[in-house]
N, C-alpha and C. Protein backbone atom coordinates (compact mmCIF):
# COMPACT_ATOMS: atom_id res chain seq x y z
N LYS A 1 -67.49 -138.22 -67.08
CA LYS A 1 -66.92 -139.25 -67.94
C LYS A 1 -66.04 -138.61 -69.03
N LEU A 2 -66.49 -137.51 -69.58
CA LEU A 2 -65.70 -136.81 -70.60
C LEU A 2 -64.39 -136.29 -70.01
N ALA A 3 -64.46 -135.76 -68.78
CA ALA A 3 -63.25 -135.26 -68.13
C ALA A 3 -62.23 -136.38 -67.92
N THR A 4 -62.71 -137.56 -67.55
CA THR A 4 -61.82 -138.71 -67.37
C THR A 4 -61.16 -139.09 -68.68
N LEU A 5 -61.94 -139.09 -69.75
CA LEU A 5 -61.41 -139.42 -71.07
C LEU A 5 -60.35 -138.41 -71.51
N ILE A 6 -60.61 -137.14 -71.27
CA ILE A 6 -59.65 -136.09 -71.63
C ILE A 6 -58.37 -136.24 -70.81
N MET A 7 -58.49 -136.50 -69.52
CA MET A 7 -57.31 -136.69 -68.67
C MET A 7 -56.50 -137.90 -69.14
N TYR A 8 -57.17 -138.98 -69.51
CA TYR A 8 -56.48 -140.17 -70.01
C TYR A 8 -55.72 -139.85 -71.29
N ALA A 9 -56.35 -139.10 -72.20
CA ALA A 9 -55.71 -138.74 -73.47
C ALA A 9 -54.47 -137.89 -73.22
N ILE A 10 -54.56 -136.94 -72.31
CA ILE A 10 -53.40 -136.09 -72.00
C ILE A 10 -52.29 -136.92 -71.37
N PHE A 11 -52.63 -137.78 -70.42
CA PHE A 11 -51.63 -138.63 -69.77
C PHE A 11 -50.96 -139.55 -70.78
N SER A 12 -51.76 -140.17 -71.66
CA SER A 12 -51.21 -141.07 -72.68
C SER A 12 -50.26 -140.33 -73.60
N SER A 13 -50.66 -139.15 -74.02
CA SER A 13 -49.82 -138.34 -74.91
C SER A 13 -48.51 -138.00 -74.22
N PHE A 14 -48.56 -137.64 -72.95
CA PHE A 14 -47.36 -137.29 -72.19
C PHE A 14 -46.42 -138.49 -72.08
N MET A 15 -46.95 -139.65 -71.78
CA MET A 15 -46.12 -140.84 -71.61
C MET A 15 -45.51 -141.28 -72.94
N ILE A 16 -46.26 -141.17 -74.02
CA ILE A 16 -45.75 -141.56 -75.34
C ILE A 16 -44.63 -140.62 -75.76
N SER A 17 -44.71 -139.36 -75.38
CA SER A 17 -43.73 -138.37 -75.80
C SER A 17 -42.39 -138.50 -75.08
N LYS A 18 -42.35 -139.25 -74.01
CA LYS A 18 -41.10 -139.39 -73.25
C LYS A 18 -40.10 -140.20 -74.06
N LEU A 19 -38.90 -139.72 -74.13
CA LEU A 19 -37.84 -140.45 -74.81
C LEU A 19 -37.61 -141.76 -74.08
N SER A 20 -37.53 -142.85 -74.82
CA SER A 20 -37.33 -144.14 -74.17
C SER A 20 -36.03 -144.14 -73.38
N VAL A 21 -36.07 -144.75 -72.23
CA VAL A 21 -34.90 -144.76 -71.36
C VAL A 21 -34.04 -145.98 -71.69
N GLU A 22 -32.87 -145.73 -72.19
CA GLU A 22 -31.92 -146.79 -72.48
C GLU A 22 -30.59 -146.37 -71.91
N LYS A 23 -29.91 -147.29 -71.28
CA LYS A 23 -28.62 -146.98 -70.69
C LYS A 23 -27.65 -146.54 -71.78
N ASP A 24 -26.98 -145.44 -71.52
CA ASP A 24 -25.96 -144.89 -72.41
C ASP A 24 -26.50 -144.39 -73.75
N LEU A 25 -27.80 -144.16 -73.86
CA LEU A 25 -28.33 -143.57 -75.09
C LEU A 25 -27.91 -142.11 -75.14
N VAL A 26 -27.35 -141.70 -76.25
CA VAL A 26 -26.90 -140.32 -76.41
C VAL A 26 -27.45 -139.77 -77.72
N ILE A 27 -28.02 -138.58 -77.68
CA ILE A 27 -28.54 -137.92 -78.87
C ILE A 27 -27.46 -136.99 -79.39
N ASN A 28 -26.96 -137.25 -80.58
CA ASN A 28 -25.93 -136.41 -81.18
C ASN A 28 -26.29 -135.90 -82.56
N SER A 29 -27.35 -136.42 -83.15
CA SER A 29 -27.65 -136.04 -84.53
C SER A 29 -29.15 -136.07 -84.78
N LEU A 30 -29.53 -135.50 -85.91
CA LEU A 30 -30.92 -135.53 -86.34
C LEU A 30 -31.38 -136.97 -86.51
N LYS A 31 -30.51 -137.82 -87.02
CA LYS A 31 -30.85 -139.24 -87.21
C LYS A 31 -31.17 -139.90 -85.87
N ASP A 32 -30.40 -139.56 -84.83
CA ASP A 32 -30.68 -140.10 -83.49
C ASP A 32 -32.07 -139.69 -83.02
N LEU A 33 -32.42 -138.43 -83.24
CA LEU A 33 -33.75 -137.95 -82.85
C LEU A 33 -34.84 -138.68 -83.61
N GLN A 34 -34.67 -138.81 -84.92
CA GLN A 34 -35.67 -139.48 -85.74
C GLN A 34 -35.83 -140.94 -85.33
N HIS A 35 -34.72 -141.57 -84.99
CA HIS A 35 -34.77 -142.96 -84.55
C HIS A 35 -35.61 -143.11 -83.29
N GLU A 36 -35.59 -142.11 -82.43
CA GLU A 36 -36.37 -142.13 -81.20
C GLU A 36 -37.80 -141.63 -81.41
N GLY A 37 -38.13 -141.23 -82.64
CA GLY A 37 -39.50 -140.82 -82.96
C GLY A 37 -39.79 -139.34 -82.78
N PHE A 38 -38.76 -138.51 -82.93
CA PHE A 38 -38.94 -137.07 -82.79
C PHE A 38 -38.49 -136.35 -84.05
N LYS A 39 -38.98 -135.13 -84.24
CA LYS A 39 -38.57 -134.29 -85.36
C LYS A 39 -38.26 -132.89 -84.85
N LEU A 40 -37.55 -132.14 -85.65
CA LEU A 40 -37.23 -130.76 -85.32
C LEU A 40 -38.15 -129.83 -86.08
N TYR A 41 -38.42 -128.67 -85.52
CA TYR A 41 -39.19 -127.65 -86.23
C TYR A 41 -38.68 -126.28 -85.81
N ALA A 42 -38.94 -125.29 -86.63
CA ALA A 42 -38.52 -123.92 -86.30
C ALA A 42 -39.34 -123.45 -85.11
N HIS A 43 -38.67 -122.93 -84.11
CA HIS A 43 -39.35 -122.48 -82.89
C HIS A 43 -39.25 -120.97 -82.77
N GLU A 44 -40.36 -120.31 -82.95
CA GLU A 44 -40.44 -118.85 -82.84
C GLU A 44 -39.39 -118.15 -83.69
N GLY A 45 -38.98 -118.78 -84.77
CA GLY A 45 -38.04 -118.17 -85.69
C GLY A 45 -36.63 -118.03 -85.17
N SER A 46 -36.36 -118.51 -83.95
CA SER A 46 -35.04 -118.30 -83.37
C SER A 46 -34.21 -119.58 -83.26
N TYR A 47 -34.84 -120.69 -83.44
CA TYR A 47 -34.13 -121.96 -83.33
C TYR A 47 -33.96 -122.59 -84.71
N ASN A 48 -32.78 -123.10 -84.98
CA ASN A 48 -32.60 -123.92 -86.16
C ASN A 48 -32.10 -125.28 -85.68
N SER A 49 -32.01 -126.23 -86.58
CA SER A 49 -31.67 -127.59 -86.17
C SER A 49 -30.32 -127.67 -85.48
N ARG A 50 -29.37 -126.87 -85.92
CA ARG A 50 -28.04 -126.89 -85.30
C ARG A 50 -28.11 -126.43 -83.84
N ALA A 51 -28.85 -125.35 -83.60
CA ALA A 51 -28.97 -124.83 -82.23
C ALA A 51 -29.70 -125.82 -81.33
N ILE A 52 -30.75 -126.45 -81.85
CA ILE A 52 -31.51 -127.41 -81.06
C ILE A 52 -30.65 -128.61 -80.70
N LEU A 53 -29.95 -129.15 -81.68
CA LEU A 53 -29.10 -130.31 -81.42
C LEU A 53 -27.97 -129.96 -80.47
N LYS A 54 -27.42 -128.76 -80.62
CA LYS A 54 -26.35 -128.33 -79.71
C LYS A 54 -26.85 -128.28 -78.27
N ASN A 55 -28.11 -127.90 -78.11
CA ASN A 55 -28.71 -127.79 -76.79
C ASN A 55 -28.82 -129.14 -76.08
N ILE A 56 -29.04 -130.22 -76.84
CA ILE A 56 -29.25 -131.53 -76.22
C ILE A 56 -28.15 -132.53 -76.52
N ALA A 57 -27.25 -132.21 -77.45
CA ALA A 57 -26.24 -133.17 -77.88
C ALA A 57 -25.37 -133.64 -76.73
N GLY A 58 -25.15 -134.93 -76.71
CA GLY A 58 -24.26 -135.50 -75.73
C GLY A 58 -24.86 -135.73 -74.36
N GLN A 59 -26.13 -135.39 -74.18
CA GLN A 59 -26.76 -135.62 -72.89
C GLN A 59 -27.06 -137.10 -72.75
N SER A 60 -26.47 -137.73 -71.77
CA SER A 60 -26.73 -139.15 -71.53
C SER A 60 -28.15 -139.31 -71.04
N ASN A 61 -28.76 -140.41 -71.41
CA ASN A 61 -30.13 -140.65 -70.99
C ASN A 61 -30.18 -141.58 -69.78
N SER A 62 -29.32 -141.32 -68.80
CA SER A 62 -29.38 -142.11 -67.58
C SER A 62 -30.62 -141.75 -66.76
N THR A 63 -31.14 -140.55 -67.01
CA THR A 63 -32.43 -140.15 -66.46
C THR A 63 -33.32 -139.77 -67.63
N PRO A 64 -34.65 -139.90 -67.49
CA PRO A 64 -35.53 -139.60 -68.62
C PRO A 64 -35.36 -138.17 -69.12
N VAL A 65 -35.35 -138.01 -70.42
CA VAL A 65 -35.27 -136.70 -71.05
C VAL A 65 -36.59 -136.50 -71.78
N PHE A 66 -37.28 -135.42 -71.49
CA PHE A 66 -38.55 -135.15 -72.13
C PHE A 66 -38.32 -134.23 -73.31
N LEU A 67 -38.02 -134.85 -74.46
CA LEU A 67 -37.66 -134.06 -75.63
C LEU A 67 -38.81 -133.19 -76.11
N ASN A 68 -40.06 -133.62 -75.87
CA ASN A 68 -41.18 -132.82 -76.33
C ASN A 68 -41.28 -131.51 -75.57
N LEU A 69 -40.57 -131.36 -74.47
CA LEU A 69 -40.56 -130.10 -73.73
C LEU A 69 -39.44 -129.18 -74.18
N GLU A 70 -38.53 -129.69 -75.01
CA GLU A 70 -37.44 -128.87 -75.54
C GLU A 70 -37.98 -128.02 -76.68
N PRO A 71 -37.62 -126.72 -76.74
CA PRO A 71 -38.08 -125.90 -77.86
C PRO A 71 -37.55 -126.43 -79.17
N GLY A 72 -38.41 -126.55 -80.14
CA GLY A 72 -38.00 -126.96 -81.48
C GLY A 72 -38.01 -128.45 -81.71
N ILE A 73 -38.50 -129.24 -80.76
CA ILE A 73 -38.57 -130.69 -80.92
C ILE A 73 -40.01 -131.13 -80.74
N ASP A 74 -40.47 -132.02 -81.60
CA ASP A 74 -41.85 -132.49 -81.53
C ASP A 74 -41.88 -133.98 -81.78
N LYS A 75 -42.89 -134.65 -81.23
CA LYS A 75 -43.08 -136.08 -81.43
C LYS A 75 -43.63 -136.32 -82.83
N ILE A 76 -43.07 -137.32 -83.52
CA ILE A 76 -43.58 -137.71 -84.83
C ILE A 76 -44.81 -138.56 -84.61
N ASN A 77 -45.90 -138.21 -85.29
CA ASN A 77 -47.15 -138.99 -85.13
C ASN A 77 -47.06 -140.31 -85.83
């Protein structure tokens, strides 16, 4: 029963972290990320907000983008 509960929690967390799929949604700024419920953080001292945004900027969301898997991006609780 505990294993089922843990699996449900992990699955729920994964699904919540997925960027909502909207036609023609484009992430170009920190404000865009915050609007989608994400924040930036320093990743291993090598990423700053400019580098992170450059990595994802302009990517159309015609397919799901898992921002929580990008280095330096985290879901806002």
